[in-house]
C-alpha atoms as a PDB file:
ATOM      1  CA  MET A   1      11.934   1.198-103.120  1.00  0.00           C
ATOM      2  CA  THR A   2      14.000  -1.956-103.518  1.00  0.00           C
ATOM      3  CA  ASP A   3      12.810  -4.144-100.693  1.00  0.00           C
ATOM      4  CA  ALA A   4      10.650  -7.171-101.652  1.00  0.00           C
ATOM      5  CA  GLN A   5       7.958  -5.837 -99.300  1.00  0.00           C
ATOM      6  CA  PRO A   6       7.747  -2.309 -98.710  1.00  0.00           C
ATOM      7  CA  PRO A   7       7.963  -1.036 -95.047  1.00  0.00           C
ATOM      8  CA  LEU A   8       4.876  -1.626 -92.776  1.00  0.00           C
ATOM      9  CA  ILE A   9       2.827   1.434 -92.092  1.00  0.00           C
ATOM     10  CA  SER A  10       0.902   1.458 -88.854  1.00  0.00           C
ATOM     11  CA  ILE A  11      -2.674   3.206 -88.617  1.00  0.00           C
ATOM     12  CA  ALA A  12      -3.250   4.334 -85.039  1.00  0.00           C
ATOM     13  CA  LEU A  13      -7.047   4.717 -85.063  1.00  0.00           C
ATOM     14  CA  CYS A  14      -8.509   5.964 -81.988  1.00  0.00           C
ATOM     15  CA  THR A  15     -12.349   5.765 -81.451  1.00  0.00           C
ATOM     16  CA  PHE A  16     -14.861   6.836 -78.938  1.00  0.00           C
ATOM     17  CA  ASN A  17     -18.839   6.507 -79.779  1.00  0.00           C
ATOM     18  CA  GLY A  18     -18.092   6.916 -83.442  1.00  0.00           C
ATOM     19  CA  GLU A  19     -20.756   4.257 -84.727  1.00  0.00           C
ATOM     20  CA  ARG A  20     -22.064   6.710 -87.015  1.00  0.00           C
ATOM     21  CA  PHE A  21     -19.249   7.212 -89.424  1.00  0.00           C
ATOM     22  CA  LEU A  22     -16.796   4.607 -88.253  1.00  0.00           C
ATOM     23  CA  ARG A  23     -17.727   2.220 -91.257  1.00  0.00           C
ATOM     24  CA  GLU A  24     -16.831   4.661 -93.838  1.00  0.00           C
ATOM     25  CA  GLN A  25     -13.668   5.342 -92.509  1.00  0.00           C
ATOM     26  CA  LEU A  26     -12.487   1.770 -91.955  1.00  0.00           C
ATOM     27  CA  ASP A  27     -13.506   0.850 -95.536  1.00  0.00           C
ATOM     28  CA  SER A  28     -11.244   3.918 -96.823  1.00  0.00           C
ATOM     29  CA  LEU A  29      -8.458   2.537 -94.658  1.00  0.00           C
ATOM     30  CA  LEU A  30      -8.676  -0.708 -96.232  1.00  0.00           C
ATOM     31  CA  ALA A  31      -9.024   0.518 -99.227  1.00  0.00           C
ATOM     32  CA  GLN A  32      -5.273   2.159 -99.295  1.00  0.00           C
ATOM     33  CA  ASP A  33      -3.178   1.305-102.060  1.00  0.00           C
ATOM     34  CA  TRP A  34      -0.153   0.912 -99.995  1.00  0.00           C
ATOM     35  CA  PRO A  35       0.177  -2.898 -99.708  1.00  0.00           C
ATOM     36  CA  HIS A  36       1.702  -3.226 -96.236  1.00  0.00           C
ATOM     37  CA  ILE A  37      -0.459  -1.791 -93.615  1.00  0.00           C
ATOM     38  CA  GLU A  38      -1.697  -2.616 -90.278  1.00  0.00           C
ATOM     39  CA  ILE A  39      -4.673  -0.858 -88.344  1.00  0.00           C
ATOM     40  CA  VAL A  40      -4.176  -0.399 -84.395  1.00  0.00           C
ATOM     41  CA  ALA A  41      -7.838   0.361 -83.249  1.00  0.00           C
ATOM     42  CA  VAL A  42      -8.055   1.296 -79.571  1.00  0.00           C
ATOM     43  CA  ASP A  43     -11.444   2.119 -78.545  1.00  0.00           C
ATOM     44  CA  ASP A  44     -11.983   4.244 -75.378  1.00  0.00           C
ATOM     45  CA  ALA A  45     -14.766   2.528 -73.549  1.00  0.00           C
ATOM     46  CA  SER A  46     -17.521   3.433 -76.188  1.00  0.00           C
ATOM     47  CA  THR A  47     -20.961   3.093 -75.074  1.00  0.00           C
ATOM     48  CA  ASP A  48     -22.589   2.938 -78.514  1.00  0.00           C
ATOM     49  CA  GLY A  49     -21.788   0.340 -81.301  1.00  0.00           C
ATOM     50  CA  THR A  50     -18.374   1.165 -82.022  1.00  0.00           C
ATOM     51  CA  PRO A  51     -16.908  -1.933 -80.269  1.00  0.00           C
ATOM     52  CA  GLN A  52     -19.349  -3.925 -82.190  1.00  0.00           C
ATOM     53  CA  ILE A  53     -18.254  -2.570 -85.507  1.00  0.00           C
ATOM     54  CA  LEU A  54     -14.443  -2.839 -84.740  1.00  0.00           C
ATOM     55  CA  ALA A  55     -14.916  -6.453 -83.811  1.00  0.00           C
ATOM     56  CA  SER A  56     -16.696  -7.318 -86.699  1.00  0.00           C
ATOM     57  CA  TYR A  57     -14.244  -5.639 -88.958  1.00  0.00           C
ATOM     58  CA  ALA A  58     -11.294  -6.994 -87.128  1.00  0.00           C
ATOM     59  CA  GLY A  59     -12.934 -10.615 -87.532  1.00  0.00           C
ATOM     60  CA  ARG A  60     -13.023 -10.471 -91.274  1.00  0.00           C
ATOM     61  CA  ASN A  61      -9.522  -8.693 -91.976  1.00  0.00           C
ATOM     62  CA  ALA A  62      -6.250  -9.709 -90.441  1.00  0.00           C
ATOM     63  CA  ARG A  63      -4.773  -6.188 -90.731  1.00  0.00           C
ATOM     64  CA  ILE A  64      -7.010  -5.006 -87.930  1.00  0.00           C
ATOM     65  CA  ARG A  65      -5.903  -5.222 -84.397  1.00  0.00           C
ATOM     66  CA  TYR A  66      -8.615  -4.192 -81.884  1.00  0.00           C
ATOM     67  CA  THR A  67      -8.235  -3.489 -78.169  1.00  0.00           C
ATOM     68  CA  ARG A  68     -10.685  -1.491 -75.992  1.00  0.00           C
ATOM     69  CA  ASN A  69      -9.936   0.175 -72.848  1.00  0.00           C
ATOM     70  CA  ALA A  70     -11.552  -0.834 -69.494  1.00  0.00           C
ATOM     71  CA  HIS A  71     -12.377   2.565 -68.900  1.00  0.00           C
ATOM     72  CA  ASN A  72     -12.553   6.048 -70.671  1.00  0.00           C
ATOM     73  CA  ARG A  73      -9.067   7.605 -70.614  1.00  0.00           C
ATOM     74  CA  GLY A  74      -9.592  10.654 -72.986  1.00  0.00           C
ATOM     75  CA  TYR A  75      -8.079  11.482 -76.254  1.00  0.00           C
ATOM     76  CA  GLN A  76      -4.755  12.080 -75.626  1.00  0.00           C
ATOM     77  CA  LYS A  77      -4.189   8.964 -73.326  1.00  0.00           C
ATOM     78  CA  ASN A  78      -6.030   6.838 -75.776  1.00  0.00           C
ATOM     79  CA  PHE A  79      -3.749   8.201 -78.751  1.00  0.00           C
ATOM     80  CA  GLU A  80      -0.706   7.218 -76.771  1.00  0.00           C
ATOM     81  CA  ALA A  81      -2.130   3.632 -75.869  1.00  0.00           C
ATOM     82  CA  ALA A  82      -2.583   3.426 -79.929  1.00  0.00           C
ATOM     83  CA  ILE A  83       0.965   4.561 -80.758  1.00  0.00           C
ATOM     84  CA  SER A  84       2.522   2.255 -78.066  1.00  0.00           C
ATOM     85  CA  LEU A  85       0.865  -0.883 -79.898  1.00  0.00           C
ATOM     86  CA  CYS A  86       2.127   0.253 -83.435  1.00  0.00           C
ATOM     87  CA  SER A  87       4.906  -1.613 -85.274  1.00  0.00           C
ATOM     88  CA  GLY A  88       5.441  -0.213 -88.372  1.00  0.00           C
ATOM     89  CA  ARG A  89       8.400   1.784 -89.712  1.00  0.00           C
ATOM     90  CA  TRP A  90       5.720   4.709 -90.144  1.00  0.00           C
ATOM     91  CA  ILE A  91       2.702   5.556 -88.353  1.00  0.00           C
ATOM     92  CA  ALA A  92      -0.393   7.450 -89.345  1.00  0.00           C
ATOM     93  CA  PRO A  93      -2.734   8.922 -86.587  1.00  0.00           C
ATOM     94  CA  CYS A  94      -6.238   8.505 -87.490  1.00  0.00           C
ATOM     95  CA  ASP A  95      -9.545  10.009 -86.765  1.00  0.00           C
ATOM     96  CA  GLN A  96     -12.775   7.959 -86.574  1.00  0.00           C
ATOM     97  CA  ASP A  97     -14.884   9.954 -88.767  1.00  0.00           C
ATOM     98  CA  ASP A  98     -12.889  11.162 -92.015  1.00  0.00           C
ATOM     99  CA  ILE A  99     -12.407   9.347 -95.403  1.00  0.00           C
ATOM    100  CA  TRP A 100      -8.840   8.782 -96.701  1.00  0.00           C
ATOM    101  CA  LEU A 101      -8.351   8.779-100.497  1.00  0.00           C
ATOM    102  CA  PRO A 102      -6.575   5.390-101.546  1.00  0.00           C
ATOM    103  CA  ARG A 103      -3.194   7.227-102.252  1.00  0.00           C
ATOM    104  CA  LYS A 104      -2.850   8.875 -99.221  1.00  0.00           C
ATOM    105  CA  LEU A 105      -0.273   6.449 -97.347  1.00  0.00           C
ATOM    106  CA  SER A 106       1.597   5.874-100.503  1.00  0.00           C
ATOM    107  CA  GLU A 107       2.100   9.745-101.269  1.00  0.00           C
ATOM    108  CA  LEU A 108       3.152  10.431 -97.843  1.00  0.00           C
ATOM    109  CA  ALA A 109       5.362   7.501 -97.850  1.00  0.00           C
ATOM    110  CA  ARG A 110       7.005   8.804-100.715  1.00  0.00           C
ATOM    111  CA  GLU A 111       8.427  11.717 -99.051  1.00  0.00           C
ATOM    112  CA  LEU A 112       9.492   9.772 -95.788  1.00  0.00           C
ATOM    113  CA  ALA A 113      11.337   7.042 -98.074  1.00  0.00           C
ATOM    114  CA  THR A 114      14.151   9.488 -99.069  1.00  0.00           C
ATOM    115  CA  GLY A 115      15.198   9.684 -95.377  1.00  0.00           C
ATOM    116  CA  ALA A 116      15.101  13.512 -95.536  1.00  0.00           C
ATOM    117  CA  ALA A 117      12.134  14.130 -93.294  1.00  0.00           C
ATOM    118  CA  LEU A 118      10.642  12.879 -89.991  1.00  0.00           C
ATOM    119  CA  LEU A 119       7.163  13.748 -90.713  1.00  0.00           C
ATOM    120  CA  ALA A 120       4.894  14.389 -93.771  1.00  0.00           C
ATOM    121  CA  TYR A 121       1.463  15.740 -93.994  1.00  0.00           C
ATOM    122  CA  CYS A 122      -0.908  16.647 -96.903  1.00  0.00           C
ATOM    123  CA  ASP A 123      -4.076  18.884 -97.632  1.00  0.00           C
ATOM    124  CA  SER A 124      -7.420  17.883 -96.407  1.00  0.00           C
ATOM    125  CA  GLU A 125     -10.705  18.731 -98.250  1.00  0.00           C
ATOM    126  CA  LEU A 126     -13.500  19.787 -95.417  1.00  0.00           C
ATOM    127  CA  MET A 127     -16.857  17.903 -95.644  1.00  0.00           C
ATOM    128  CA  ASP A 128     -20.240  18.252 -93.369  1.00  0.00           C
ATOM    129  CA  GLU A 129     -21.545  15.603 -91.461  1.00  0.00           C
ATOM    130  CA  ASN A 130     -23.338  14.320 -94.437  1.00  0.00           C
ATOM    131  CA  GLY A 131     -20.266  14.075 -96.483  1.00  0.00           C
ATOM    132  CA  ARG A 132     -21.149  16.949 -98.699  1.00  0.00           C
ATOM    133  CA  SER A 133     -18.110  18.983 -99.645  1.00  0.00           C
ATOM    134  CA  LEU A 134     -17.700  22.357 -97.946  1.00  0.00           C
ATOM    135  CA  ASN A 135     -15.603  23.575-101.003  1.00  0.00           C
ATOM    136  CA  ARG A 136     -13.077  24.617 -98.493  1.00  0.00           C
ATOM    137  CA  ARG A 137      -9.479  22.908 -97.934  1.00  0.00           C
ATOM    138  CA  VAL A 138      -7.409  23.261 -94.760  1.00  0.00           C
ATOM    139  CA  SER A 139      -4.943  25.169 -97.040  1.00  0.00           C
ATOM    140  CA  ASP A 140      -7.463  27.764 -97.345  1.00  0.00           C
ATOM    141  CA  LEU A 141      -7.256  28.405 -93.727  1.00  0.00           C
ATOM    142  CA  ARG A 142      -3.436  28.086 -92.868  1.00  0.00           C
ATOM    143  CA  ASN A 143      -0.618  28.397 -94.858  1.00  0.00           C
ATOM    144  CA  ARG A 144       1.200  25.000 -95.320  1.00  0.00           C
ATOM    145  CA  PHE A 145       4.579  24.211 -96.597  1.00  0.00           C
ATOM    146  CA  SER A 146       7.597  21.974 -96.091  1.00  0.00           C
ATOM    147  CA  THR A 147      10.258  23.347 -93.681  1.00  0.00           C
ATOM    148  CA  ASP A 148      13.180  22.448 -91.619  1.00  0.00           C
ATOM    149  CA  ASP A 149      12.433  25.659 -89.176  1.00  0.00           C
ATOM    150  CA  PRO A 150      10.711  24.800 -85.930  1.00  0.00           C
ATOM    151  CA  ALA A 151      10.119  28.683 -85.465  1.00  0.00           C
ATOM    152  CA  PRO A 152       6.713  28.641 -87.182  1.00  0.00           C
ATOM    153  CA  TYR A 153       5.475  26.115 -84.880  1.00  0.00           C
ATOM    154  CA  LEU A 154       5.792  28.351 -81.664  1.00  0.00           C
ATOM    155  CA  LEU A 155       2.776  30.045 -82.291  1.00  0.00           C
ATOM    156  CA  ASN A 156       0.579  28.171 -84.814  1.00  0.00           C
ATOM    157  CA  ASN A 157       0.355  24.769 -86.302  1.00  0.00           C
ATOM    158  CA  ASN A 158      -0.407  23.601 -89.814  1.00  0.00           C
ATOM    159  CA  ALA A 159       0.167  19.606 -89.756  1.00  0.00           C
ATOM    160  CA  SER A 160      -2.818  18.083 -88.440  1.00  0.00           C
ATOM    161  CA  GLY A 161      -2.842  14.516 -87.202  1.00  0.00           C
ATOM    162  CA  HIS A 162      -5.572  13.091 -89.459  1.00  0.00           C
ATOM    163  CA  ALA A 163      -3.316  14.368 -92.187  1.00  0.00           C
ATOM    164  CA  MET A 164       0.364  13.167 -91.197  1.00  0.00           C
ATOM    165  CA  LEU A 165       2.492  10.342 -91.389  1.00  0.00           C
ATOM    166  CA  PHE A 166       5.564  10.062 -89.233  1.00  0.00           C
ATOM    167  CA  CYS A 167       8.843   8.053 -88.714  1.00  0.00           C
ATOM    168  CA  ARG A 168       8.710   5.853 -85.774  1.00  0.00           C
ATOM    169  CA  SER A 169      12.190   7.132 -84.776  1.00  0.00           C
ATOM    170  CA  LEU A 170      10.303  10.306 -84.041  1.00  0.00           C
ATOM    171  CA  LEU A 171       8.919   8.788 -81.188  1.00  0.00           C
ATOM    172  CA  GLY A 172      12.001   8.335 -79.288  1.00  0.00           C
ATOM    173  CA  LEU A 173      12.535  12.155 -79.625  1.00  0.00           C
ATOM    174  CA  ALA A 174       8.821  13.269 -78.720  1.00  0.00           C
ATOM    175  CA  SER A 175       7.862  10.780 -75.969  1.00  0.00           C
ATOM    176  CA  PRO A 176       6.459  11.063 -73.445  1.00  0.00           C
ATOM    177  CA  PHE A 177       3.779  13.222 -74.979  1.00  0.00           C
ATOM    178  CA  PRO A 178       3.107  16.320 -72.859  1.00  0.00           C
ATOM    179  CA  PRO A 179      -0.717  16.489 -71.740  1.00  0.00           C
ATOM    180  CA  SER A 180      -0.917  20.144 -72.019  1.00  0.00           C
ATOM    181  CA  THR A 181      -0.746  20.428 -75.885  1.00  0.00           C
ATOM    182  CA  PHE A 182      -1.975  18.678 -79.042  1.00  0.00           C
ATOM    183  CA  HIS A 183      -0.098  15.545 -80.246  1.00  0.00           C
ATOM    184  CA  ASP A 184       0.172  16.641 -83.664  1.00  0.00           C
ATOM    185  CA  TRP A 185       1.442  20.168 -82.856  1.00  0.00           C
ATOM    186  CA  TRP A 186       4.000  18.407 -80.431  1.00  0.00           C
ATOM    187  CA  LEU A 187       5.275  16.041 -83.313  1.00  0.00           C
ATOM    188  CA  ALA A 188       5.573  18.714 -85.808  1.00  0.00           C
ATOM    189  CA  TYR A 189       7.739  21.046 -83.456  1.00  0.00           C
ATOM    190  CA  VAL A 190       9.909  18.056 -82.506  1.00  0.00           C
ATOM    191  CA  ALA A 191      10.256  16.916 -86.175  1.00  0.00           C
ATOM    192  CA  ALA A 192      11.326  20.469 -87.270  1.00  0.00           C
ATOM    193  CA  SER A 193      13.877  20.669 -84.594  1.00  0.00           C
ATOM    194  CA  ALA A 194      15.389  17.460 -85.279  1.00  0.00           C
ATOM    195  CA  GLY A 195      14.971  17.023 -89.019  1.00  0.00           C
ATOM    196  CA  SER A 196      12.518  18.397 -91.303  1.00  0.00           C
ATOM    197  CA  VAL A 197       8.447  18.479 -92.208  1.00  0.00           C
ATOM    198  CA  ARG A 198       7.522  17.781 -95.807  1.00  0.00           C
ATOM    199  CA  TYR A 199       4.141  18.928 -97.221  1.00  0.00           C
ATOM    200  CA  VAL A 200       2.117  17.233 -99.962  1.00  0.00           C
ATOM    201  CA  ASP A 201       0.097  19.708-101.741  1.00  0.00           C
ATOM    202  CA  GLU A 202      -2.812  17.229-102.431  1.00  0.00           C
ATOM    203  CA  CYS A 203      -6.016  16.758-100.807  1.00  0.00           C
ATOM    204  CA  LEU A 204      -5.597  13.331 -99.603  1.00  0.00           C
ATOM    205  CA  VAL A 205      -8.176  13.085 -96.827  1.00  0.00           C
ATOM    206  CA  ARG A 206     -11.634  14.263 -96.752  1.00  0.00           C
ATOM    207  CA  HIS A 207     -12.098  15.764 -93.157  1.00  0.00           C
ATOM    208  CA  ARG A 208     -15.275  15.670 -91.690  1.00  0.00           C
ATOM    209  CA  GLN A 209     -16.721  18.689 -89.623  1.00  0.00           C
ATOM    210  CA  HIS A 210     -19.685  17.969 -87.203  1.00  0.00           C
ATOM    211  CA  ALA A 211     -20.536  19.058 -83.657  1.00  0.00           C
ATOM    212  CA  THR A 212     -18.778  16.335 -81.780  1.00  0.00           C
ATOM    213  CA  ALA A 213     -15.870  16.234 -83.702  1.00  0.00           C
ATOM    214  CA  VAL A 214     -12.320  16.380 -81.743  1.00  0.00           C
ATOM    215  CA  THR A 215     -10.957  19.039 -84.115  1.00  0.00           C
ATOM    216  CA  ASN A 216     -13.329  21.526 -85.904  1.00  0.00           C
ATOM    217  CA  LEU A 217     -11.420  23.659 -88.699  1.00  0.00           C
ATOM    218  CA  GLY A 218     -14.042  25.178 -90.292  1.00  0.00           C
ATOM    219  CA  GLY A 219     -16.918  25.716 -87.925  1.00  0.00           C
ATOM    220  CA  ALA A 220     -17.991  28.768 -86.077  1.00  0.00           C
ATOM    221  CA  GLN A 221     -16.018  29.540 -83.035  1.00  0.00           C
ATOM    222  CA  PRO A 222     -17.779  29.388 -79.567  1.00  0.00           C
ATOM    223  CA  THR A 223     -18.912  32.588 -77.991  1.00  0.00           C
ATOM    224  CA  VAL A 224     -18.894  31.560 -74.560  1.00  0.00           C
ATOM    225  CA  ARG A 225     -15.010  31.707 -74.273  1.00  0.00           C
ATOM    226  CA  ALA A 226     -15.230  35.277 -75.709  1.00  0.00           C
ATOM    227  CA  LYS A 227     -17.360  36.376 -72.809  1.00  0.00           C
ATOM    228  CA  ALA A 228     -15.296  34.872 -70.134  1.00  0.00           C
ATOM    229  CA  ARG A 229     -13.493  36.965 -67.706  1.00  0.00           C
ATOM    230  CA  GLY A 230      -9.763  37.200 -68.478  1.00  0.00           C
ATOM    231  CA  PHE A 231      -9.607  34.945 -71.332  1.00  0.00           C
ATOM    232  CA  ARG A 232      -7.307  37.384 -73.357  1.00  0.00           C
ATOM    233  CA  ARG A 233      -4.686  37.163 -70.417  1.00  0.00           C
ATOM    234  CA  ARG A 234      -5.067  33.043 -70.157  1.00  0.00           C
ATOM    235  CA  ASP A 235      -4.617  32.819 -74.098  1.00  0.00           C
ATOM    236  CA  ALA A 236      -1.120  34.822 -73.351  1.00  0.00           C
ATOM    237  CA  VAL A 237      -0.428  32.719 -70.443  1.00  0.00           C
ATOM    238  CA  GLU A 238      -1.346  29.464 -72.686  1.00  0.00           C
ATOM    239  CA  ILE A 239       1.378  30.554 -75.244  1.00  0.00           C
ATOM    240  CA  ARG A 240       3.809  31.371 -72.733  1.00  0.00           C
ATOM    241  CA  GLU A 241       3.444  27.921 -71.314  1.00  0.00           C
ATOM    242  CA  ARG A 242       3.852  26.103 -74.814  1.00  0.00           C
ATOM    243  CA  ILE A 243       6.752  28.286 -75.665  1.00  0.00           C
ATOM    244  CA  GLU A 244       8.512  27.092 -72.431  1.00  0.00           C
ATOM    245  CA  LEU A 245       7.392  23.379 -73.361  1.00  0.00           C
ATOM    246  CA  PHE A 246       9.141  23.823 -76.745  1.00  0.00           C
ATOM    247  CA  SER A 247      12.043  25.557 -75.414  1.00  0.00           C
ATOM    248  CA  ARG A 248      13.015  22.527 -73.837  1.00  0.00           C
ATOM    249  CA  VAL A 249      13.448  20.493 -77.008  1.00  0.00           C
ATOM    250  CA  PRO A 250      16.737  20.146 -78.009  1.00  0.00           C
ATOM    251  CA  GLY A 251      17.910  21.078 -81.610  1.00  0.00           C
ATOM    252  CA  LYS A 252      18.398  23.772 -83.955  1.00  0.00           C
ATOM    253  CA  GLY A 253      15.590  25.742 -82.841  1.00  0.00           C
ATOM    254  CA  GLN A 254      16.260  25.591 -79.026  1.00  0.00           C
ATOM    255  CA  ALA A 255      18.042  29.191 -78.817  1.00  0.00           C
ATOM    256  CA  PHE A 256      15.423  31.112 -80.734  1.00  0.00           C
ATOM    257  CA  ALA A 257      12.541  29.304 -78.542  1.00  0.00           C
ATOM    258  CA  GLN A 258      14.676  30.538 -75.273  1.00  0.00           C
ATOM    259  CA  ALA A 259      15.026  33.822 -76.589  1.00  0.00           C
ATOM    260  CA  LEU A 260      11.349  34.331 -77.413  1.00  0.00           C
ATOM    261  CA  LEU A 261      10.329  32.762 -74.076  1.00  0.00           C
ATOM    262  CA  ALA A 262      12.350  35.336 -71.838  1.00  0.00           C
ATOM    263  CA  LEU A 263      10.669  38.184 -73.629  1.00  0.00           C
ATOM    264  CA  TRP A 264       7.237  36.600 -73.488  1.00  0.00           C
ATOM    265  CA  ARG A 265       7.626  35.887 -69.773  1.00  0.00           C
ATOM    266  CA  ALA A 266       8.740  39.730 -69.261  1.00  0.00           C
ATOM    267  CA  ARG A 267       5.688  41.130 -70.990  1.00  0.00           C
ATOM    268  CA  GLU A 268       3.565  39.583 -68.533  1.00  0.00           C
ATOM    269  CA  THR A 269       4.689  42.045 -65.842  1.00  0.00           C
ATOM    270  CA  GLN A 270       5.592  45.009 -67.947  1.00  0.00           C
ATOM    271  CA  PHE A 271       3.634  47.954 -69.102  1.00  0.00           C
ATOM    272  CA  ILE A 272       5.347  48.156 -72.409  1.00  0.00           C
ATOM    273  CA  SER A 273       7.614  45.387 -74.169  1.00  0.00           C
ATOM    274  CA  PRO A 274       9.408  46.809 -76.899  1.00  0.00           C
ATOM    275  CA  ARG A 275      12.184  44.172 -76.915  1.00  0.00           C
ATOM    276  CA  LEU A 276       9.534  41.635 -77.700  1.00  0.00           C
ATOM    277  CA  ALA A 277       7.925  43.962 -80.396  1.00  0.00           C
ATOM    278  CA  VAL A 278      11.187  44.182 -82.075  1.00  0.00           C
ATOM    279  CA  PHE A 279      12.058  40.693 -81.802  1.00  0.00           C
ATOM    280  CA  ALA A 280       8.783  39.423 -83.426  1.00  0.00           C
ATOM    281  CA  TRP A 281       9.186  42.392 -86.036  1.00  0.00           C
ATOM    282  CA  ARG A 282      12.594  40.776 -87.262  1.00  0.00           C
ATOM    283  CA  HIS A 283      11.230  37.625 -87.155  1.00  0.00           C
ATOM    284  CA  ARG A 284       7.475  37.953 -88.107  1.00  0.00           C
ATOM    285  CA  GLN A 285       8.371  35.756 -91.667  1.00  0.00           C
ATOM    286  CA  ARG A 286       9.077  32.932 -89.364  1.00  0.00           C
ATOM    287  CA  LEU A 287       6.775  33.383 -86.326  1.00  0.00           C
ATOM    288  CA  PHE A 288       3.707  34.151 -88.260  1.00  0.00           C
ATOM    289  CA  ALA A 289       4.480  32.008 -91.309  1.00  0.00           C
ATOM    290  CA  ILE A 290       1.270  29.612 -90.789  1.00  0.00           C
ATOM    291  CA  GLN A 291      -1.402  32.225 -90.398  1.00  0.00           C
ATOM    292  CA  LYS A 292      -3.067  33.499 -93.450  1.00  0.00           C
ATOM    293  CA  SER A 293      -1.819  37.166 -92.986  1.00  0.00           C
ATOM    294  CA  SER A 294      -0.644  39.776 -95.396  1.00  0.00           C
ATOM    295  CA  GLU A 295       2.710  41.367 -94.871  1.00  0.00           C
ATOM    296  CA  PRO A 296       0.948  44.551 -93.257  1.00  0.00           C
ATOM    297  CA  LYS A 297      -0.936  42.385 -90.842  1.00  0.00           C
ATOM    298  CA  ARG A 298       2.180  40.539 -89.638  1.00  0.00           C
ATOM    299  CA  MET A 299       3.820  43.756 -89.239  1.00  0.00           C
ATOM    300  CA  ARG A 300       0.689  45.051 -86.976  1.00  0.00           C
ATOM    301  CA  GLN A 301       0.817  41.713 -85.017  1.00  0.00           C
ATOM    302  CA  ALA A 302       4.311  42.430 -84.264  1.00  0.00           C
ATOM    303  CA  ALA A 303       3.749  45.992 -83.394  1.00  0.00           C
ATOM    304  CA  GLN A 304       0.795  44.828 -81.212  1.00  0.00           C
ATOM    305  CA  LEU A 305       3.269  43.120 -78.774  1.00  0.00           C
ATOM    306  CA  PHE A 306       4.763  46.384 -77.613  1.00  0.00           C
ATOM    307  CA  TRP A 307       2.070  46.677 -75.098  1.00  0.00           C
ATOM    308  CA  GLY A 308       2.637  44.753 -72.014  1.00  0.00           C
ATOM    309  CA  LEU A 309      -0.033  42.697 -70.131  1.00  0.00           C
ATOM    310  CA  ARG A 310      -0.224  45.425 -67.251  1.00  0.00           C
ATOM    311  CA  THR A 311      -1.420  48.101 -69.963  1.00  0.00           C
ATOM    312  CA  LYS A 312      -3.651  45.637 -71.497  1.00  0.00           C
ATOM    313  CA  GLN A 313      -5.090  45.016 -68.096  1.00  0.00           C
ATOM    314  CA  MET A 314      -6.020  48.469 -67.282  1.00  0.00           C
ATOM    315  CA  LEU A 315      -7.517  49.280 -70.781  1.00  0.00           C
ATOM    316  CA  GLN A 316      -9.176  46.159 -71.080  1.00  0.00           C
ATOM    317  CA  PRO A 317      -9.896  44.823 -67.744  1.00  0.00           C
ATOM    318  CA  HIS A 318     -12.396  42.156 -68.347  1.00  0.00           C
ATOM    319  CA  ARG A 319     -10.231  40.592 -71.076  1.00  0.00           C
ATOM    320  CA  TYR A 320      -7.048  40.712 -69.222  1.00  0.00           C
ATOM    321  CA  ALA A 321      -8.147  40.353 -65.699  1.00  0.00           C
ATOM    322  CA  LYS A 322      -6.236  37.751 -63.573  1.00  0.00           C
ATOM    323  CA  SER A 323      -7.840  34.451 -62.838  1.00  0.00           C
ATOM    324  CA  ASP A 324      -9.246  34.301 -59.078  1.00  0.00           C
END
């Protein structure tokens, strides 16, 4: 970069009752080797010592701007509030309980500086609540790659918010953020639709897994959902609603998303859905690209879509029952 001062990077830090891990995260943000940053911290009406920690750090470091919501707004709205206060050319969402490696921002900024991508993300090492490595990476759980194809994001997401940096210009395409889907998933889809997403194959974040984390990538899945009546049908409906949302995004993936949406809608009232199964079979490399799946498994996933939800409801009434 030839500028006398490199572009400003805004770190959008959202907090809520995070006193236990917050100091470690703040210290790692202040240790970034990118020389021009601002930390925009928005606290969502915490009832523990989080506000005092933020006020103390902000009082000692001019790079930190801290505000506190008068009442709890929830994670999504708090994130939107933090983003709206960012003034940097590039923006990095930030969890309150991770640890960033010093090169995180500079490595991601290198990918965005060429102007070829709207969003860049890196790999993350998983650690437990005490900071001990779990000897797993997020890339062990999901395939991660650079792409200019939005199709893989229709069914899955691999660009986690804690690991991403995106161009401010992406906000003009992605705002307002839809309340029905995760902000990082939405940003990744829009970025791939309008430009491209770049992946840095390095662990530049230590991502903490614990009971109160907003996202838990490595822990056990809850069993209550698996016992809930109609949970499989709700999953199918949620996927359809997400495809509906993504199909409204203009760009190179819109026609593909609209074609998938029409077939997915039809499946909800069909006994068999051969056209959806054939579509998924033909495009299985794109639709199932993020999942850690072998080629035979991708073929099975596509073939399983042959059965419509009416057949599923007959054979597995508890899993596919309609909601009351």
